Protein backbone atom coordinates (compact mmCIF):
# COMPACT_ATOMS: atom_id res chain seq x y z
CA MET A 1 35.41 58.79 49.60
CA VAL A 2 37.23 56.22 47.41
CA GLN A 3 39.76 53.98 49.10
CA ASN A 4 42.44 52.03 47.21
CA TYR A 5 43.22 48.46 48.17
CA VAL A 6 46.54 46.82 47.33
CA ARG A 7 46.97 43.08 47.96
CA THR A 8 50.14 42.35 49.89
CA LYS A 9 50.15 38.52 49.41
CA MET A 10 48.89 36.05 46.84
CA SER A 11 45.50 34.50 47.40
CA PRO A 12 45.43 30.71 47.79
CA ASP A 13 44.94 28.62 44.65
CA MET A 14 41.45 27.39 44.10
CA ALA A 15 40.82 23.74 43.40
CA PRO A 16 39.94 22.95 39.75
CA PRO A 17 36.33 22.07 39.00
CA ALA A 18 35.37 18.46 39.65
CA THR A 19 34.32 18.10 36.03
CA GLU A 20 37.87 18.85 34.81
CA THR A 21 39.97 16.39 36.81
CA GLY A 22 39.96 12.76 37.85
CA ILE A 23 37.65 10.11 36.47
CA ILE A 24 34.79 12.57 36.06
CA GLY A 25 37.01 14.92 34.08
CA TRP A 26 38.21 12.11 31.81
CA VAL A 27 34.64 10.95 31.17
CA MET A 28 33.43 14.49 30.42
CA LYS A 29 36.34 15.12 28.05
CA ASN A 30 36.44 11.80 26.19
CA LEU A 31 32.93 10.37 26.40
CA LEU A 32 30.47 13.21 26.99
CA SER A 33 32.09 16.23 25.34
CA SER A 34 29.29 16.68 22.76
CA TRP A 35 25.91 15.26 21.85
CA LEU A 36 27.53 13.04 19.22
CA SER A 37 29.97 11.68 21.81
CA VAL A 38 27.06 10.95 24.13
CA VAL A 39 25.21 9.01 21.41
CA LEU A 40 28.32 7.01 20.48
CA THR A 41 29.10 6.32 24.15
CA VAL A 42 25.60 4.99 24.78
CA PHE A 43 25.73 2.88 21.61
CA GLY A 44 29.15 1.46 22.54
CA ALA A 45 27.99 0.66 26.06
CA TYR A 46 24.98 -1.16 24.63
CA VAL A 47 27.18 -3.24 22.31
CA ILE A 48 29.47 -4.13 25.22
CA TYR A 49 26.40 -5.11 27.25
CA LEU A 50 25.30 -7.46 24.47
CA ILE A 51 28.69 -9.13 23.88
CA VAL A 52 30.87 -9.10 26.99
CA PRO A 53 28.53 -10.78 29.53
CA GLY A 54 27.90 -13.71 27.17
CA VAL A 55 31.60 -14.19 26.48
CA VAL A 56 32.48 -14.03 30.18
CA GLU A 57 29.72 -16.47 31.01
CA PHE A 58 30.84 -18.91 28.31
CA ALA A 59 34.61 -18.61 28.91
CA ILE A 60 34.70 -18.38 32.71
CA VAL A 61 31.43 -18.75 34.61
CA ASN A 62 30.02 -21.88 32.94
CA ALA A 63 33.33 -23.26 31.69
CA ILE A 64 34.68 -26.75 32.35
CA TRP A 65 38.18 -26.51 33.80
CA VAL A 66 38.96 -30.15 34.64
CA GLY A 67 38.22 -33.19 32.51
CA LYS A 68 39.72 -36.14 30.67
CA ASP A 69 37.58 -36.30 27.49
CA GLY A 70 34.66 -34.74 25.69
CA LEU A 71 32.15 -36.52 27.89
CA ASP A 72 33.02 -34.15 30.73
CA CYS A 73 32.21 -31.23 28.43
CA ARG A 74 28.93 -32.78 27.24
CA SER A 75 27.60 -33.39 30.74
CA ILE A 76 24.33 -31.64 31.57
CA ALA A 77 25.01 -32.00 35.28
CA ASP A 78 27.09 -29.59 37.34
CA GLY A 79 25.64 -26.36 36.03
CA GLY A 80 23.98 -27.52 32.82
CA ARG A 81 26.77 -26.57 30.40
CA VAL A 82 24.89 -28.01 27.39
CA GLN A 83 21.36 -26.82 26.74
CA ASP A 84 19.25 -27.97 23.79
CA GLY A 85 22.37 -29.35 22.11
CA GLN A 86 24.19 -26.01 22.31
CA ALA A 87 27.28 -25.41 24.43
CA ILE A 88 26.95 -22.75 27.10
CA GLY A 89 30.37 -23.32 28.69
CA ALA A 90 33.92 -23.58 27.31
CA CYS A 91 35.80 -26.90 27.41
CA TRP A 92 39.26 -25.83 28.56
CA PRO A 93 40.56 -29.40 29.22
CA TYR A 94 40.38 -29.89 25.45
CA VAL A 95 42.74 -26.92 24.96
CA GLN A 96 45.08 -28.32 27.62
CA ALA A 97 45.15 -31.69 25.88
CA TYR A 98 45.89 -30.20 22.46
CA PHE A 99 48.03 -27.27 23.58
CA SER A 100 51.31 -28.81 22.41
CA GLN A 101 49.86 -29.50 18.95
CA PHE A 102 48.54 -25.95 18.75
CA ILE A 103 52.10 -24.73 19.30
CA TYR A 104 54.25 -27.29 17.45
CA GLY A 105 51.90 -29.12 15.10
CA ARG A 106 53.22 -32.61 14.31
CA TYR A 107 56.81 -31.65 15.07
CA PRO A 108 58.54 -34.68 16.67
CA LEU A 109 58.10 -34.67 20.42
CA GLU A 110 61.75 -35.42 21.21
CA GLU A 111 62.94 -32.58 18.93
CA ARG A 112 60.69 -29.79 20.18
CA TRP A 113 63.51 -28.40 22.28
CA ARG A 114 64.87 -26.97 19.03
CA VAL A 115 61.69 -24.95 18.53
CA ASP A 116 61.84 -23.77 22.14
CA ILE A 117 65.44 -22.58 21.71
CA ALA A 118 64.60 -20.78 18.46
CA MET A 119 61.67 -18.96 20.05
CA PHE A 120 63.59 -18.14 23.23
CA VAL A 121 66.57 -16.69 21.36
CA GLY A 122 64.24 -14.69 19.14
CA VAL A 123 62.37 -13.16 22.08
CA VAL A 124 65.54 -12.44 24.06
CA SER A 125 67.10 -10.74 21.02
CA LEU A 126 63.99 -8.82 20.00
CA ILE A 127 63.12 -7.26 23.36
CA PRO A 128 66.37 -5.22 23.67
CA LEU A 129 65.90 -4.03 20.10
CA LEU A 130 62.42 -2.70 20.89
CA ILE A 131 63.44 -0.84 24.05
CA PRO A 132 64.96 2.55 23.05
CA THR A 133 67.20 2.94 26.13
CA ILE A 134 69.13 -0.32 25.70
CA PRO A 135 72.44 0.20 23.83
CA TYR A 136 74.10 -1.84 21.04
CA LYS A 137 71.13 -1.54 18.71
CA ARG A 138 73.28 -2.02 15.60
CA GLU A 139 74.90 -5.21 16.85
CA ASN A 140 71.55 -6.54 17.97
CA ALA A 141 69.98 -5.78 14.57
CA ILE A 142 72.89 -7.45 12.75
CA PHE A 143 72.37 -10.58 14.83
CA LEU A 144 68.61 -10.66 14.29
CA LEU A 145 68.74 -9.98 10.54
CA GLY A 146 72.01 -11.68 9.63
CA VAL A 147 72.62 -14.55 12.04
CA TYR A 148 69.28 -15.46 13.60
CA PRO A 149 67.52 -16.53 10.34
CA PHE A 150 70.23 -19.11 9.62
CA LEU A 151 70.23 -20.25 13.25
CA VAL A 152 66.47 -20.79 13.13
CA THR A 153 66.67 -22.58 9.78
CA ILE A 154 69.32 -24.95 11.09
CA LEU A 155 67.47 -25.61 14.35
CA LEU A 156 64.07 -26.21 12.79
CA THR A 157 65.18 -28.28 9.82
CA GLY A 158 68.24 -29.98 11.32
CA GLY A 159 70.72 -28.52 8.84
CA ASN A 160 72.43 -30.50 6.10
CA ILE A 161 70.28 -28.78 3.45
CA GLY A 162 71.59 -29.41 -0.04
CA ILE A 163 71.67 -26.21 -2.11
CA GLY A 164 71.95 -26.94 -5.80
CA ASN A 165 74.75 -29.17 -7.02
CA GLY A 166 77.66 -27.23 -5.58
CA ALA A 167 77.61 -24.49 -8.20
CA TRP A 168 76.64 -21.81 -5.67
CA GLY A 169 79.43 -22.76 -3.35
CA PHE A 170 81.98 -22.85 -6.19
CA LEU A 171 80.77 -19.45 -7.41
CA ALA A 172 81.03 -18.00 -3.91
CA ILE A 173 84.57 -19.31 -3.47
CA LEU A 174 85.63 -17.79 -6.80
CA MET A 175 84.08 -14.45 -5.90
CA VAL A 176 85.73 -14.35 -2.50
CA LEU A 177 89.14 -15.38 -3.87
CA GLY A 178 88.95 -12.90 -6.74
CA VAL A 179 87.96 -9.97 -4.55
CA GLY A 180 90.50 -10.99 -1.93
CA PHE A 181 93.25 -10.92 -4.54
CA VAL A 182 92.21 -7.46 -5.73
CA VAL A 183 92.09 -6.14 -2.17
CA PHE A 184 95.50 -7.62 -1.44
CA GLN A 185 96.96 -5.91 -4.50
CA ALA A 186 95.36 -2.63 -3.48
CA LYS A 187 96.82 -2.81 0.02
CA THR A 188 100.31 -3.77 -1.09
CA THR A 189 100.77 -1.60 -4.18
CA GLN A 190 98.29 1.17 -3.30
CA SER A 191 97.60 1.45 -7.01
CA ILE A 192 94.07 0.07 -7.11
CA GLN A 193 91.19 1.94 -5.55
CA ILE A 194 88.60 -0.31 -3.93
CA SER A 195 85.25 0.82 -5.29
CA SER A 196 81.91 0.44 -3.56
CA GLY A 197 80.83 -2.00 -6.26
CA LEU A 198 83.79 -4.24 -5.47
CA LYS A 199 82.88 -4.19 -1.81
CA ILE A 200 79.31 -5.20 -2.67
CA VAL A 201 80.59 -8.10 -4.79
CA ALA A 202 82.82 -9.20 -1.92
CA ALA A 203 79.94 -9.01 0.55
CA ILE A 204 77.70 -11.06 -1.76
CA GLY A 205 80.42 -13.66 -2.23
CA VAL A 206 81.05 -13.96 1.50
CA ALA A 207 77.31 -14.18 2.19
CA ILE A 208 76.80 -16.95 -0.40
CA ALA A 209 79.77 -18.88 0.97
CA ILE A 210 78.56 -18.60 4.57
CA VAL A 211 75.00 -19.63 3.66
CA TYR A 212 76.21 -22.54 1.55
CA LEU A 213 78.55 -23.85 4.23
CA ALA A 214 76.22 -23.20 7.19
CA LEU A 215 73.14 -24.82 5.69
CA GLY A 216 75.01 -27.67 4.05
CA PHE A 217 76.89 -28.79 7.15
CA ASP A 218 75.75 -31.95 8.94
CA TYR A 219 75.01 -31.01 12.55
CA GLY A 220 73.97 -34.51 13.57
CA MET A 221 70.37 -33.50 14.26
CA LEU A 222 67.29 -35.30 13.00
CA ASP A 223 65.93 -33.86 9.76
CA VAL A 224 62.42 -32.50 10.30
CA GLU A 225 60.55 -31.81 7.07
CA THR A 226 58.27 -28.79 6.87
CA PRO A 227 55.06 -30.86 6.39
CA LEU A 228 55.51 -31.85 10.05
CA TRP A 229 55.52 -28.22 11.16
CA GLY A 230 52.26 -26.72 12.33
CA GLY A 231 50.40 -24.61 14.83
CA LEU A 232 51.79 -21.35 16.12
CA LEU A 233 55.21 -22.34 14.75
CA VAL A 234 54.01 -22.07 11.14
CA THR A 235 52.05 -18.89 11.92
CA LEU A 236 55.14 -17.17 13.32
CA VAL A 237 57.46 -18.42 10.57
CA VAL A 238 55.18 -17.16 7.79
CA ALA A 239 54.32 -13.88 9.53
CA ILE A 240 57.83 -12.94 10.68
CA THR A 241 59.44 -13.90 7.37
CA GLY A 242 56.85 -11.93 5.42
CA ILE A 243 57.15 -8.89 7.68
CA VAL A 244 60.95 -8.76 7.75
CA ALA A 245 61.48 -9.54 4.07
CA SER A 246 58.66 -7.41 2.63
CA PHE A 247 59.70 -4.22 4.42
CA PRO A 248 63.01 -3.54 2.58
CA ILE A 249 61.55 -4.81 -0.70
CA GLY A 250 58.62 -2.43 -0.29
CA ILE A 251 60.97 0.51 0.35
CA ILE A 252 62.95 -0.28 -2.81
CA LEU A 253 59.75 -0.58 -4.85
CA ALA A 254 58.46 2.72 -3.47
CA LEU A 255 61.71 4.46 -4.40
CA GLY A 256 61.61 2.80 -7.81
CA ARG A 257 58.07 3.97 -8.47
CA ARG A 258 59.08 7.56 -7.73
CA SER A 259 62.35 7.27 -9.63
CA GLU A 260 63.13 9.43 -12.65
CA MET A 261 64.57 6.42 -14.46
CA PRO A 262 61.84 5.10 -16.79
CA VAL A 263 62.92 1.46 -16.61
CA ALA A 264 63.04 1.36 -12.79
CA ARG A 265 59.70 3.18 -12.56
CA LEU A 266 58.04 0.88 -15.11
CA VAL A 267 59.29 -2.30 -13.44
CA SER A 268 58.15 -1.09 -10.01
CA VAL A 269 54.70 -0.07 -11.28
CA ILE A 270 54.17 -3.39 -13.06
CA PHE A 271 55.26 -5.36 -10.00
CA ILE A 272 53.10 -3.40 -7.57
CA GLU A 273 49.98 -3.36 -9.70
CA PHE A 274 50.28 -7.05 -10.57
CA TRP A 275 50.59 -8.25 -6.98
CA ARG A 276 47.92 -5.85 -5.73
CA GLY A 277 45.57 -7.00 -8.47
CA VAL A 278 45.36 -10.63 -7.33
CA PRO A 279 44.06 -11.98 -3.99
CA LEU A 280 46.41 -13.74 -1.62
CA ILE A 281 44.51 -17.01 -2.04
CA THR A 282 45.39 -16.96 -5.75
CA VAL A 283 49.03 -16.28 -4.92
CA LEU A 284 49.13 -19.23 -2.54
CA PHE A 285 47.50 -21.54 -5.10
CA MET A 286 49.95 -20.42 -7.77
CA SER A 287 52.97 -20.90 -5.52
CA SER A 288 51.81 -24.32 -4.33
CA VAL A 289 50.12 -25.85 -7.37
CA MET A 290 51.04 -23.98 -10.55
CA LEU A 291 54.65 -22.96 -9.91
CA PRO A 292 56.03 -26.55 -9.86
CA LEU A 293 54.57 -27.06 -13.36
CA PHE A 294 56.82 -24.31 -14.76
CA LEU A 295 60.02 -25.57 -13.13
CA PRO A 296 62.48 -27.82 -14.98
CA GLU A 297 62.17 -31.52 -14.42
CA GLY A 298 63.80 -32.62 -11.19
CA VAL A 299 63.79 -29.10 -9.68
CA GLN A 300 61.60 -28.86 -6.59
CA PHE A 301 61.04 -26.26 -3.93
CA ASP A 302 59.69 -26.90 -0.48
CA LYS A 303 56.01 -25.98 -0.19
CA LEU A 304 56.60 -23.76 2.84
CA LEU A 305 59.40 -21.96 1.00
CA ARG A 306 57.11 -21.30 -1.95
CA VAL A 307 54.46 -19.93 0.40
CA LEU A 308 57.01 -17.68 2.11
CA ILE A 309 58.12 -16.24 -1.23
CA GLY A 310 54.53 -15.65 -2.36
CA VAL A 311 53.49 -14.00 0.91
CA THR A 312 56.60 -11.80 0.93
CA LEU A 313 56.10 -10.51 -2.62
CA PHE A 314 52.38 -9.96 -2.03
CA SER A 315 53.00 -8.00 1.17
CA ALA A 316 55.86 -6.03 -0.42
CA ALA A 317 53.50 -4.55 -3.02
CA TYR A 318 51.20 -3.16 -0.33
CA MET A 319 54.15 -2.00 1.76
CA ALA A 320 55.50 -0.11 -1.25
CA GLU A 321 52.32 1.95 -1.55
CA THR A 322 52.35 2.70 2.18
CA VAL A 323 55.94 3.93 2.01
CA ARG A 324 55.21 5.89 -1.16
CA GLY A 325 52.49 7.76 0.70
CA GLY A 326 55.07 8.79 3.30
CA LEU A 327 57.52 9.90 0.60
CA GLN A 328 54.87 12.08 -1.03
CA ALA A 329 54.16 13.73 2.32
CA ILE A 330 57.72 15.10 2.52
CA SER A 331 57.98 18.64 1.20
CA ARG A 332 60.19 19.42 -1.77
CA GLY A 333 62.32 21.67 0.41
CA GLN A 334 63.73 18.62 2.19
CA TYR A 335 64.96 17.20 -1.13
CA GLU A 336 66.39 20.54 -2.22
CA GLY A 337 68.12 21.05 1.12
CA ALA A 338 69.73 17.60 0.92
CA MET A 339 70.92 18.21 -2.64
CA ALA A 340 72.28 21.61 -1.62
CA LEU A 341 74.45 19.86 0.96
CA GLY A 342 75.96 17.73 -1.80
CA LEU A 343 74.50 14.45 -0.59
CA SER A 344 74.18 11.57 -3.00
CA PHE A 345 70.80 9.99 -3.72
CA TRP A 346 71.22 7.16 -1.24
CA GLN A 347 72.65 9.49 1.42
CA MET A 348 69.71 11.82 0.96
CA MET A 349 67.21 8.97 1.23
CA GLY A 350 68.91 7.18 4.10
CA LEU A 351 69.70 10.22 6.25
CA ILE A 352 66.95 12.74 5.55
CA ILE A 353 63.96 11.60 3.48
CA LEU A 354 63.24 8.01 4.54
CA PRO A 355 63.49 8.60 8.32
CA GLN A 356 60.85 11.32 8.06
CA ALA A 357 58.65 9.38 5.62
CA LEU A 358 58.68 6.16 7.62
CA LYS A 359 57.91 8.06 10.81
CA LEU A 360 54.80 9.54 9.22
CA VAL A 361 53.43 6.19 8.02
CA ILE A 362 54.05 4.11 11.13
CA PRO A 363 50.30 3.43 11.51
CA GLY A 364 50.05 2.23 7.91
CA ILE A 365 53.14 0.04 8.21
CA VAL A 366 51.94 -1.62 11.41
CA ASN A 367 48.48 -2.02 9.90
CA ALA A 368 50.05 -3.94 7.01
CA PHE A 369 51.99 -6.10 9.48
CA ILE A 370 48.84 -6.90 11.46
CA GLY A 371 46.96 -7.75 8.28
CA LEU A 372 49.76 -10.05 7.16
CA PHE A 373 49.83 -11.78 10.54
CA LYS A 374 46.10 -12.52 10.29
CA ASP A 375 46.36 -13.58 6.64
CA THR A 376 48.66 -16.44 7.64
CA THR A 377 45.48 -18.45 8.29
CA LEU A 378 45.06 -18.76 4.50
CA VAL A 379 47.99 -21.17 4.23
CA LEU A 380 45.59 -23.92 5.28
CA ILE A 381 44.21 -24.04 1.74
CA VAL A 382 47.59 -25.28 0.44
CA GLY A 383 47.98 -27.96 3.09
CA LEU A 384 49.97 -26.10 5.77
CA PHE A 385 48.45 -26.27 9.23
CA ASP A 386 48.95 -22.98 11.02
CA LEU A 387 47.43 -22.25 14.42
CA LEU A 388 43.86 -21.97 13.12
CA GLY A 389 44.32 -24.96 10.84
CA GLN A 390 45.63 -27.05 13.71
CA VAL A 391 42.66 -26.02 15.83
CA GLN A 392 40.25 -27.03 13.08
CA ALA A 393 42.03 -30.35 12.57
CA SER A 394 41.53 -31.20 16.26
CA PHE A 395 37.74 -31.05 15.87
CA THR A 396 37.77 -34.47 14.17
CA ASP A 397 39.00 -36.22 17.31
CA PRO A 398 36.03 -38.25 18.64
CA VAL A 399 37.55 -38.34 22.12
CA TRP A 400 36.95 -34.60 22.56
CA SER A 401 33.77 -34.40 20.52
CA SER A 402 31.28 -32.06 22.21
CA PRO A 403 29.16 -29.01 21.36
CA ALA A 404 31.73 -26.84 23.18
CA THR A 405 34.85 -28.09 21.41
CA SER A 406 34.69 -25.94 18.28
CA HIS A 407 33.58 -22.85 20.20
CA THR A 408 36.46 -23.24 22.66
CA GLY A 409 39.01 -23.87 19.92
CA TYR A 410 38.03 -20.79 17.97
CA LEU A 411 37.99 -18.73 21.16
CA PHE A 412 41.53 -19.87 22.00
CA ALA A 413 42.78 -19.05 18.48
CA ALA A 414 41.11 -15.63 18.65
CA MET A 415 42.78 -14.89 21.98
CA VAL A 416 46.24 -15.80 20.63
CA PHE A 417 45.83 -13.68 17.50
CA TRP A 418 44.48 -10.79 19.57
CA VAL A 419 47.49 -10.85 21.90
CA PHE A 420 49.97 -10.59 19.02
CA CYS A 421 47.99 -8.00 17.04
CA PHE A 422 47.21 -5.87 20.09
CA GLY A 423 50.88 -5.96 21.10
CA MET A 424 51.96 -4.70 17.67
CA SER A 425 49.31 -1.99 17.79
CA ARG A 426 50.33 -0.71 21.22
CA TYR A 427 54.03 -0.71 20.32
CA SER A 428 53.30 1.33 17.20
CA ILE A 429 51.47 3.90 19.34
CA PHE A 430 54.47 3.98 21.68
CA MET A 431 56.82 4.63 18.75
CA GLU A 432 54.53 7.34 17.37
CA ASN A 433 54.54 9.17 20.69
CA LEU A 434 58.30 8.75 20.97
CA LEU A 435 59.13 10.02 17.47
CA HIS A 436 56.51 12.65 16.78
CA ARG A 437 57.78 16.20 16.34
CA GLY A 438 54.62 18.25 16.49
CA HIS A 439 52.85 16.70 13.50
CA LYS A 440 50.33 14.93 15.74
CA ARG A 441 47.29 16.71 17.13
C-alpha cells in the first residue's frame, strides 16, 4: 500500500560546504580552481620565498636603526651587518640624516614652510575631491585647477615673476576693457547679443590679467630659483603638472584625430605620431639643450619649465591614444541618439560620449599616469635632482659611506614610488567598481 507524505514545515538550512566559504573557499576559488592555477600558485609562492625573506632580513632584522655616521653601518660587530664587503643590513640612520634633502632638495631651510603649506593645501583639497560622497565637487575642482596652481607657483618661487615686458598685461587689459564695453552696451541697449565666442575672449582676457598681476606682484618673500628645488618636491611638481595638463590636451587630440575636418585630423595625427616616435630622454634633451638655441637672443625659459612642457606634450600623445580607444568602443547608436536629440557636437561629447569612453579606459588612463610618475626620474639627465637623483647624490658623502648606503637609499626611493603608484592603482579600481554598469565580468 502506497502512502503519501506531505511536509508541513520547512527543513532547516544546511551549512554550505567548507570548500565554498571562508579562507578555504577563497583559496579553492582563486588559487586552486584548476591545474593551471595550482601551477601558477606554486610558482608565485616560490618567487615570494626567494625574495621576501631576504628583503625582510635586510630591511628589518639585520638593519641598523641608530647611528651617527657610516661607521656605525660598516661595523661587523652587533650582528655582523657587513660580510665579505657586502651589506646584509639596511642603514636607516643615513635615511634619517638625509630625509629633509630627499623631500626638499637644496631648498633653503628657512623657507621650507612654503613647501609644507603648498603640499598641505594640495592634500586637503584633493581628498574631498576623491571621495564621492563629499559635496561641492565643482567648487573644489575650480580651486584645484584654477587657483591652486598659481598659489603653488607663488609659494615655491616667491612671486614677483616678470612675464615679458608688459605686453601681456597691456593686451589683457585691452581685452577686458573691450569686452566689458560690449557687455555694457548689450545690457543697456539690449541690441547686441553676447555670443559664446565673446564670452571666451572675455574669459581669456580676465585669465591673462589675473595671471599677470598675481605672478608679477611682490609678496616680500625670498626668491627661490628652481635649480635649488629637488627631491620629492621636483618629482611631485613634474608628475602632477604632467598628469593634470596632459589629460585635457590628450582628450582634444583624440577628438581631433577622429574629427571629420581634414586639417584638425592631420594636425592631431602629426602631433601624436611625432611625440610617440621619440623617447622621453630625447624630449628632455631637446627641451633643455637644443630649445634655447632656437630662441631669440635674450629670451630664456627656466629649465624646469621647459621640462614640464616637454613631459606634458609627450604624455598628451599617449593619453590621446588611450582616450581614442575609449571613443572607438562606443557604439554608433550613442552618436545617432545624441544627434537625434538635437545636441551640438560639444554637448554630445561632454554629456554622452566622453563620460562613457573615459569610464571604459580608466585602467589605461591610470596606467599612463603611473608610467609618467615613474618617468620623472629621467629629469636627472638634464640636471634636475628629483627624489631618485637626490638619493644618488647623497652617495658621494664620505660621512655616510658604507656598503649599505646605496642599497638603503634605493630601497627608500622604491618604497616612496610604490606608495604613490599603488595608491593610484587602488583608487582606479575603486572608481571602476563605482562606475561600472555591467560591462565588467
